[in-house]
């Protein structure tokens, strides 16, 4: 097979929005992973798969996608 890819692919939302992640150190706590959407390559962070237990919501006013926990 030509050009085999890994089983997971970075998530891309309609309109060219790509999901990125990066680790940040909290002032009084551990390192946490944050997720954000961008149309351009950000200064820091890497393209990411959809994290488990999350879904994409689009802000009705701004049209920007963001992640929300599944459930309520």
Protein backbone atom coordinates (compact mmCIF):
# COMPACT_ATOMS: atom_id res chain seq x y z
CA UNK A 1 0.00 0.00 0.00
CA UNK A 2 1.21 3.45 -0.86
CA UNK A 3 1.22 6.25 1.70
CA UNK A 4 -0.06 4.29 4.67
CA UNK A 5 -1.37 6.47 7.47
CA UNK A 6 -1.91 5.77 11.10
CA UNK A 7 -5.40 4.71 12.12
CA UNK A 8 -6.18 8.10 13.65
CA UNK A 9 -6.27 11.30 11.66
CA UNK A 10 -6.27 14.89 12.90
CA UNK A 11 -9.80 16.24 13.24
CA UNK A 12 -11.00 18.86 10.77
CA UNK A 13 -14.34 20.66 11.03
CA UNK A 14 -16.33 22.20 8.18
CA UNK A 15 -15.00 25.51 6.94
CA UNK A 16 -11.33 24.58 7.21
CA UNK A 17 -11.13 24.58 11.02
CA UNK A 18 -8.47 22.17 12.33
CA UNK A 19 -8.28 20.91 15.90
CA UNK A 20 -5.01 21.59 17.75
CA UNK A 21 -3.81 20.77 21.25
CA UNK A 22 -1.01 21.83 23.55
CA UNK A 23 -0.01 21.27 27.15
CA UNK A 24 -0.07 24.19 29.55
CA UNK A 25 1.15 24.39 33.13
CA UNK A 26 -1.41 25.74 35.56
CA UNK A 27 -0.17 28.14 38.25
CA UNK A 28 -1.28 25.90 41.10
CA UNK A 29 -1.61 22.53 39.54
CA UNK A 30 -0.52 20.00 36.99
CA UNK A 31 -0.02 20.28 33.28
CA UNK A 32 -3.28 20.02 31.33
CA UNK A 33 -4.00 19.59 27.64
CA UNK A 34 -6.04 22.33 26.01
CA UNK A 35 -7.80 21.96 22.66
CA UNK A 36 -8.57 24.75 20.21
CA UNK A 37 -9.59 25.24 16.58
CA UNK A 38 -7.63 27.29 14.07
CA UNK A 39 -7.66 27.84 10.32
CA UNK A 40 -3.93 28.64 10.30
CA UNK A 41 -0.98 26.86 11.89
CA UNK A 42 -0.60 28.25 15.42
CA UNK A 43 2.73 29.30 16.95
CA UNK A 44 2.55 26.41 19.40
CA UNK A 45 0.53 23.23 19.45
CA UNK A 46 0.05 20.29 17.15
CA UNK A 47 -2.87 18.94 15.14
CA UNK A 48 -4.96 16.62 17.26
CA UNK A 49 -7.51 13.83 17.04
CA UNK A 50 -10.93 14.31 18.61
CA UNK A 51 -10.49 13.64 22.35
CA UNK A 52 -12.76 10.94 23.81
CA UNK A 53 -15.92 12.19 25.48
CA UNK A 54 -16.03 15.49 23.55
CA UNK A 55 -18.20 16.83 20.74
CA UNK A 56 -18.05 19.91 18.52
CA UNK A 57 -20.46 22.78 19.07
CA UNK A 58 -20.60 25.87 16.85
CA UNK A 59 -21.24 29.22 18.53
CA UNK A 60 -24.42 30.59 16.93
CA UNK A 61 -23.35 34.23 17.25
CA UNK A 62 -19.71 34.00 16.10
CA UNK A 63 -19.73 30.79 14.05
CA UNK A 64 -16.61 29.51 15.85
CA UNK A 65 -16.40 25.81 16.72
CA UNK A 66 -15.43 24.65 20.20
CA UNK A 67 -15.37 21.39 22.15
CA UNK A 68 -17.89 20.43 24.78
CA UNK A 69 -18.14 17.35 26.97
CA UNK A 70 -20.72 14.80 25.92
CA UNK A 71 -23.74 14.43 28.14
CA UNK A 72 -25.98 17.30 29.19
